[in-house]
Amino acid sequence: MKKKGVISVIIIFLFVIAIGFIKVSSSLPNFIKNKSKFKIFYTSKPFDLTFETDKYVIYINKKAIYNINDRMSSTFNNIVQGTSKASRNIIDGAYEKINHTVEKFKKSKE
C-alpha cells in the first residue's frame, strides 16, 4: 500500500508540474514566444493545445481527434477491402480449380 501511495503522489506531482508549465508557457507574451525555439499555445474553451518547435507542430484539439478518427476508419476500410479482394480472388481461384478438376473427372468417366 505504501508503494502505491508514493507512486500516485509522484504521478499527481508530475501532472501538476506539467499543467503549470503549460499554463505559464502559454501565457507568455508573443515577443518572447517569437524568440523561443519551443512555443506552447493553450486555450481551455474551445480546447486547443499546440506545441511548436522549429520544424514540427503538434496540435491537440477537436479537429485533431476527428482527423485521427477519420484516418483510422479509412485505413481500416482499406484493409477490409484489401482482404476482401484477396479472399475473393482465392475463393474464385479455388472454385475454378475445383470446376476444372470436376470437368476432367467427368471426361475421364465418359
N, C-alpha and C. Protein backbone atom coordinates (compact mmCIF):
# COMPACT_ATOMS: atom_id res chain seq x y z
N MET A 1 0.83 -1.19 0.00
CA MET A 1 0.00 0.00 0.00
C MET A 1 0.87 1.25 0.00
N LYS A 2 1.96 1.22 0.69
CA LYS A 2 2.81 2.38 0.80
C LYS A 2 3.45 2.72 -0.55
N LYS A 3 3.84 1.69 -1.30
CA LYS A 3 4.47 1.90 -2.60
C LYS A 3 3.47 2.51 -3.59
N LYS A 4 2.22 2.03 -3.57
CA LYS A 4 1.20 2.57 -4.46
C LYS A 4 0.91 4.03 -4.13
N GLY A 5 0.91 4.36 -2.85
CA GLY A 5 0.67 5.75 -2.43
C GLY A 5 1.77 6.67 -2.91
N VAL A 6 3.02 6.23 -2.81
CA VAL A 6 4.15 7.04 -3.26
C VAL A 6 4.07 7.25 -4.78
N ILE A 7 3.74 6.20 -5.51
CA ILE A 7 3.64 6.30 -6.96
C ILE A 7 2.52 7.25 -7.36
N SER A 8 1.38 7.16 -6.68
CA SER A 8 0.26 8.05 -7.01
C SER A 8 0.60 9.50 -6.68
N VAL A 9 1.30 9.76 -5.60
CA VAL A 9 1.71 11.12 -5.25
C VAL A 9 2.68 11.66 -6.31
N ILE A 10 3.61 10.84 -6.77
CA ILE A 10 4.57 11.27 -7.80
C ILE A 10 3.84 11.58 -9.10
N ILE A 11 2.87 10.75 -9.48
CA ILE A 11 2.11 10.99 -10.71
C ILE A 11 1.33 12.30 -10.61
N ILE A 12 0.67 12.52 -9.49
CA ILE A 12 -0.08 13.76 -9.28
C ILE A 12 0.87 14.96 -9.32
N PHE A 13 2.03 14.83 -8.68
CA PHE A 13 3.03 15.90 -8.67
C PHE A 13 3.47 16.24 -10.10
N LEU A 14 3.78 15.23 -10.90
CA LEU A 14 4.22 15.47 -12.27
C LEU A 14 3.10 16.08 -13.11
N PHE A 15 1.87 15.64 -12.87
CA PHE A 15 0.73 16.19 -13.58
C PHE A 15 0.55 17.67 -13.27
N VAL A 16 0.66 18.05 -12.00
CA VAL A 16 0.52 19.46 -11.59
C VAL A 16 1.66 20.29 -12.20
N ILE A 17 2.87 19.76 -12.19
CA ILE A 17 4.01 20.48 -12.79
C ILE A 17 3.78 20.68 -14.29
N ALA A 18 3.30 19.65 -14.98
CA ALA A 18 3.06 19.75 -16.43
C ALA A 18 1.98 20.79 -16.73
N ILE A 19 0.89 20.78 -15.96
CA ILE A 19 -0.18 21.77 -16.17
C ILE A 19 0.34 23.17 -15.91
N GLY A 20 1.12 23.34 -14.84
CA GLY A 20 1.70 24.65 -14.55
C GLY A 20 2.62 25.12 -15.66
N PHE A 21 3.44 24.23 -16.18
CA PHE A 21 4.36 24.57 -17.27
C PHE A 21 3.59 25.01 -18.51
N ILE A 22 2.51 24.29 -18.82
CA ILE A 22 1.71 24.64 -19.99
C ILE A 22 1.03 25.98 -19.80
N LYS A 23 0.45 26.22 -18.63
CA LYS A 23 -0.24 27.48 -18.36
C LYS A 23 0.72 28.67 -18.42
N VAL A 24 1.90 28.52 -17.80
CA VAL A 24 2.86 29.63 -17.78
C VAL A 24 3.42 29.87 -19.18
N SER A 25 3.77 28.81 -19.89
CA SER A 25 4.34 28.97 -21.22
C SER A 25 3.33 29.56 -22.21
N SER A 26 2.08 29.19 -22.06
CA SER A 26 1.08 29.71 -23.00
C SER A 26 0.72 31.16 -22.70
N SER A 27 0.95 31.62 -21.48
CA SER A 27 0.59 32.99 -21.14
C SER A 27 1.75 33.98 -21.36
N LEU A 28 2.87 33.51 -21.86
CA LEU A 28 3.98 34.41 -22.17
C LEU A 28 3.60 35.34 -23.31
N PRO A 29 4.14 36.55 -23.30
CA PRO A 29 3.85 37.47 -24.41
C PRO A 29 4.44 36.95 -25.73
N ASN A 30 3.85 37.38 -26.85
CA ASN A 30 4.26 36.89 -28.16
C ASN A 30 5.69 37.27 -28.51
N PHE A 31 6.19 38.43 -28.07
CA PHE A 31 7.56 38.80 -28.42
C PHE A 31 8.57 37.86 -27.76
N ILE A 32 8.22 37.25 -26.64
CA ILE A 32 9.10 36.26 -26.03
C ILE A 32 8.95 34.93 -26.76
N LYS A 33 7.72 34.56 -27.11
CA LYS A 33 7.49 33.31 -27.83
C LYS A 33 8.16 33.32 -29.20
N ASN A 34 8.17 34.47 -29.87
CA ASN A 34 8.77 34.54 -31.20
C ASN A 34 10.27 34.27 -31.17
N LYS A 35 10.94 34.56 -30.08
CA LYS A 35 12.38 34.31 -29.96
C LYS A 35 12.69 32.90 -29.48
N SER A 36 11.70 32.21 -28.99
CA SER A 36 11.90 30.88 -28.44
C SER A 36 11.84 29.81 -29.53
N LYS A 37 12.57 28.72 -29.32
CA LYS A 37 12.53 27.61 -30.26
C LYS A 37 11.38 26.65 -29.92
N PHE A 38 10.84 26.75 -28.73
CA PHE A 38 9.75 25.88 -28.28
C PHE A 38 8.62 26.77 -27.77
N LYS A 39 7.45 26.66 -28.41
CA LYS A 39 6.31 27.50 -28.04
C LYS A 39 5.12 26.63 -27.68
N ILE A 40 4.35 27.10 -26.72
CA ILE A 40 3.12 26.41 -26.33
C ILE A 40 1.98 27.42 -26.38
N PHE A 41 0.90 27.03 -27.05
CA PHE A 41 -0.31 27.83 -27.09
C PHE A 41 -1.43 26.98 -26.50
N TYR A 42 -2.20 27.58 -25.58
CA TYR A 42 -3.25 26.81 -24.90
C TYR A 42 -4.47 27.69 -24.69
N THR A 43 -5.63 27.16 -25.04
CA THR A 43 -6.91 27.76 -24.67
C THR A 43 -7.80 26.65 -24.14
N SER A 44 -8.56 26.99 -23.10
CA SER A 44 -9.39 25.94 -22.49
C SER A 44 -10.76 25.81 -23.17
N LYS A 45 -11.33 26.93 -23.65
CA LYS A 45 -12.63 26.87 -24.31
C LYS A 45 -12.56 27.64 -25.60
N PRO A 46 -12.61 27.03 -26.73
CA PRO A 46 -12.58 25.61 -27.01
C PRO A 46 -11.19 25.05 -26.75
N PHE A 47 -11.12 23.81 -26.37
CA PHE A 47 -9.85 23.20 -26.01
C PHE A 47 -8.92 23.18 -27.21
N ASP A 48 -7.74 23.77 -27.02
CA ASP A 48 -6.73 23.79 -28.08
C ASP A 48 -5.37 23.87 -27.41
N LEU A 49 -4.55 22.87 -27.66
CA LEU A 49 -3.19 22.82 -27.12
C LEU A 49 -2.25 22.60 -28.29
N THR A 50 -1.32 23.53 -28.48
CA THR A 50 -0.40 23.47 -29.61
C THR A 50 1.02 23.58 -29.11
N PHE A 51 1.86 22.64 -29.54
CA PHE A 51 3.29 22.68 -29.26
C PHE A 51 4.00 22.96 -30.57
N GLU A 52 4.83 24.00 -30.60
CA GLU A 52 5.58 24.33 -31.81
C GLU A 52 7.07 24.29 -31.52
N THR A 53 7.80 23.64 -32.43
CA THR A 53 9.26 23.70 -32.40
C THR A 53 9.70 24.30 -33.73
N ASP A 54 11.00 24.30 -33.98
CA ASP A 54 11.48 24.87 -35.24
C ASP A 54 10.93 24.13 -36.45
N LYS A 55 10.85 22.81 -36.36
CA LYS A 55 10.47 22.00 -37.52
C LYS A 55 9.08 21.38 -37.42
N TYR A 56 8.54 21.22 -36.23
CA TYR A 56 7.31 20.46 -36.06
C TYR A 56 6.27 21.26 -35.28
N VAL A 57 5.00 20.94 -35.56
CA VAL A 57 3.89 21.50 -34.81
C VAL A 57 2.98 20.34 -34.42
N ILE A 58 2.63 20.27 -33.14
CA ILE A 58 1.74 19.22 -32.64
C ILE A 58 0.47 19.90 -32.12
N TYR A 59 -0.66 19.51 -32.72
CA TYR A 59 -1.95 20.05 -32.31
C TYR A 59 -2.70 19.00 -31.50
N ILE A 60 -3.27 19.42 -30.41
CA ILE A 60 -4.18 18.56 -29.65
C ILE A 60 -5.46 19.37 -29.47
N ASN A 61 -6.43 19.07 -30.32
CA ASN A 61 -7.71 19.77 -30.26
C ASN A 61 -8.79 18.88 -30.87
N LYS A 62 -9.98 19.44 -31.01
CA LYS A 62 -11.11 18.67 -31.52
C LYS A 62 -10.87 18.21 -32.96
N LYS A 63 -10.31 19.10 -33.79
CA LYS A 63 -10.05 18.73 -35.18
C LYS A 63 -9.05 17.59 -35.27
N ALA A 64 -8.03 17.62 -34.43
CA ALA A 64 -7.02 16.56 -34.46
C ALA A 64 -7.66 15.21 -34.13
N ILE A 65 -8.54 15.21 -33.15
CA ILE A 65 -9.21 13.96 -32.78
C ILE A 65 -10.09 13.46 -33.92
N TYR A 66 -10.82 14.37 -34.58
CA TYR A 66 -11.64 13.97 -35.72
C TYR A 66 -10.77 13.47 -36.87
N ASN A 67 -9.63 14.13 -37.13
CA ASN A 67 -8.73 13.68 -38.20
C ASN A 67 -8.18 12.29 -37.91
N ILE A 68 -7.80 12.06 -36.67
CA ILE A 68 -7.28 10.73 -36.30
C ILE A 68 -8.37 9.68 -36.50
N ASN A 69 -9.58 10.00 -36.09
CA ASN A 69 -10.70 9.07 -36.24
C ASN A 69 -10.96 8.79 -37.72
N ASP A 70 -10.97 9.83 -38.56
CA ASP A 70 -11.21 9.65 -40.00
C ASP A 70 -10.12 8.80 -40.64
N ARG A 71 -8.87 9.08 -40.31
CA ARG A 71 -7.76 8.33 -40.90
C ARG A 71 -7.78 6.88 -40.45
N MET A 72 -8.09 6.64 -39.18
CA MET A 72 -8.15 5.27 -38.70
C MET A 72 -9.28 4.50 -39.38
N SER A 73 -10.44 5.14 -39.54
CA SER A 73 -11.56 4.44 -40.18
C SER A 73 -11.28 4.20 -41.65
N SER A 74 -10.64 5.16 -42.34
CA SER A 74 -10.33 4.93 -43.76
C SER A 74 -9.27 3.85 -43.91
N THR A 75 -8.29 3.82 -43.01
CA THR A 75 -7.28 2.77 -43.06
C THR A 75 -7.92 1.41 -42.80
N PHE A 76 -8.81 1.34 -41.83
CA PHE A 76 -9.50 0.09 -41.52
C PHE A 76 -10.33 -0.37 -42.73
N ASN A 77 -11.04 0.57 -43.35
CA ASN A 77 -11.84 0.22 -44.53
C ASN A 77 -10.96 -0.26 -45.67
N ASN A 78 -9.80 0.37 -45.87
CA ASN A 78 -8.87 -0.08 -46.91
C ASN A 78 -8.36 -1.49 -46.63
N ILE A 79 -8.08 -1.76 -45.38
CA ILE A 79 -7.60 -3.10 -45.01
C ILE A 79 -8.70 -4.13 -45.26
N VAL A 80 -9.93 -3.79 -44.87
CA VAL A 80 -11.05 -4.71 -45.07
C VAL A 80 -11.28 -4.96 -46.56
N GLN A 81 -11.25 -3.87 -47.36
CA GLN A 81 -11.44 -4.04 -48.80
C GLN A 81 -10.31 -4.84 -49.42
N GLY A 82 -9.08 -4.61 -48.97
CA GLY A 82 -7.94 -5.36 -49.50
C GLY A 82 -8.04 -6.83 -49.17
N THR A 83 -8.42 -7.14 -47.94
CA THR A 83 -8.55 -8.56 -47.58
C THR A 83 -9.75 -9.17 -48.28
N SER A 84 -10.80 -8.38 -48.50
CA SER A 84 -11.97 -8.92 -49.21
C SER A 84 -11.58 -9.26 -50.64
N LYS A 85 -10.82 -8.38 -51.30
CA LYS A 85 -10.38 -8.66 -52.66
C LYS A 85 -9.48 -9.88 -52.71
N ALA A 86 -8.56 -9.96 -51.77
CA ALA A 86 -7.63 -11.10 -51.75
C ALA A 86 -8.38 -12.40 -51.49
N SER A 87 -9.28 -12.38 -50.52
CA SER A 87 -10.03 -13.61 -50.23
C SER A 87 -10.97 -13.95 -51.38
N ARG A 88 -11.54 -12.94 -52.03
CA ARG A 88 -12.41 -13.20 -53.18
C ARG A 88 -11.60 -13.84 -54.31
N ASN A 89 -10.37 -13.35 -54.53
CA ASN A 89 -9.51 -13.94 -55.55
C ASN A 89 -9.16 -15.39 -55.21
N ILE A 90 -8.89 -15.64 -53.95
CA ILE A 90 -8.56 -17.00 -53.52
C ILE A 90 -9.76 -17.93 -53.72
N ILE A 91 -10.93 -17.46 -53.33
CA ILE A 91 -12.15 -18.27 -53.47
C ILE A 91 -12.45 -18.53 -54.95
N ASP A 92 -12.33 -17.47 -55.77
CA ASP A 92 -12.58 -17.64 -57.21
C ASP A 92 -11.58 -18.61 -57.82
N GLY A 93 -10.30 -18.50 -57.43
CA GLY A 93 -9.28 -19.42 -57.94
C GLY A 93 -9.56 -20.85 -57.53
N ALA A 94 -9.95 -21.04 -56.28
CA ALA A 94 -10.27 -22.39 -55.80
C ALA A 94 -11.49 -22.93 -56.53
N TYR A 95 -12.48 -22.09 -56.74
CA TYR A 95 -13.70 -22.51 -57.46
C TYR A 95 -13.35 -22.95 -58.88
N GLU A 96 -12.51 -22.17 -59.55
CA GLU A 96 -12.10 -22.55 -60.91
C GLU A 96 -11.34 -23.87 -60.92
N LYS A 97 -10.45 -24.07 -59.98
CA LYS A 97 -9.68 -25.32 -59.91
C LYS A 97 -10.60 -26.50 -59.67
N ILE A 98 -11.56 -26.33 -58.76
CA ILE A 98 -12.49 -27.42 -58.47
C ILE A 98 -13.32 -27.74 -59.71
N ASN A 99 -13.83 -26.69 -60.39
CA ASN A 99 -14.61 -26.93 -61.62
C ASN A 99 -13.76 -27.61 -62.68
N HIS A 100 -12.52 -27.18 -62.82
CA HIS A 100 -11.63 -27.79 -63.80
C HIS A 100 -11.39 -29.27 -63.47
N THR A 101 -11.19 -29.56 -62.20
CA THR A 101 -10.97 -30.94 -61.77
C THR A 101 -12.22 -31.78 -62.00
N VAL A 102 -13.39 -31.23 -61.68
CA VAL A 102 -14.65 -31.94 -61.89
C VAL A 102 -14.85 -32.23 -63.37
N GLU A 103 -14.57 -31.23 -64.22
CA GLU A 103 -14.71 -31.43 -65.67
C GLU A 103 -13.78 -32.53 -66.17
N LYS A 104 -12.54 -32.54 -65.68
CA LYS A 104 -11.60 -33.60 -66.05
C LYS A 104 -12.10 -34.96 -65.60
N PHE A 105 -12.66 -34.99 -64.38
CA PHE A 105 -13.17 -36.25 -63.83
C PHE A 105 -14.35 -36.74 -64.67
N LYS A 106 -15.24 -35.83 -65.07
CA LYS A 106 -16.39 -36.20 -65.89
C LYS A 106 -15.94 -36.75 -67.26
N LYS A 107 -14.93 -36.10 -67.84
CA LYS A 107 -14.44 -36.53 -69.15
C LYS A 107 -13.78 -37.91 -69.06
N SER A 108 -13.08 -38.15 -67.95
CA SER A 108 -12.42 -39.43 -67.80
C SER A 108 -13.44 -40.55 -67.57
N LYS A 109 -14.58 -40.26 -66.99
CA LYS A 109 -15.64 -41.24 -66.75
C LYS A 109 -16.38 -41.59 -68.05
N GLU A 110 -16.40 -40.67 -69.01
CA GLU A 110 -17.15 -40.92 -70.24
C GLU A 110 -16.41 -41.76 -71.16
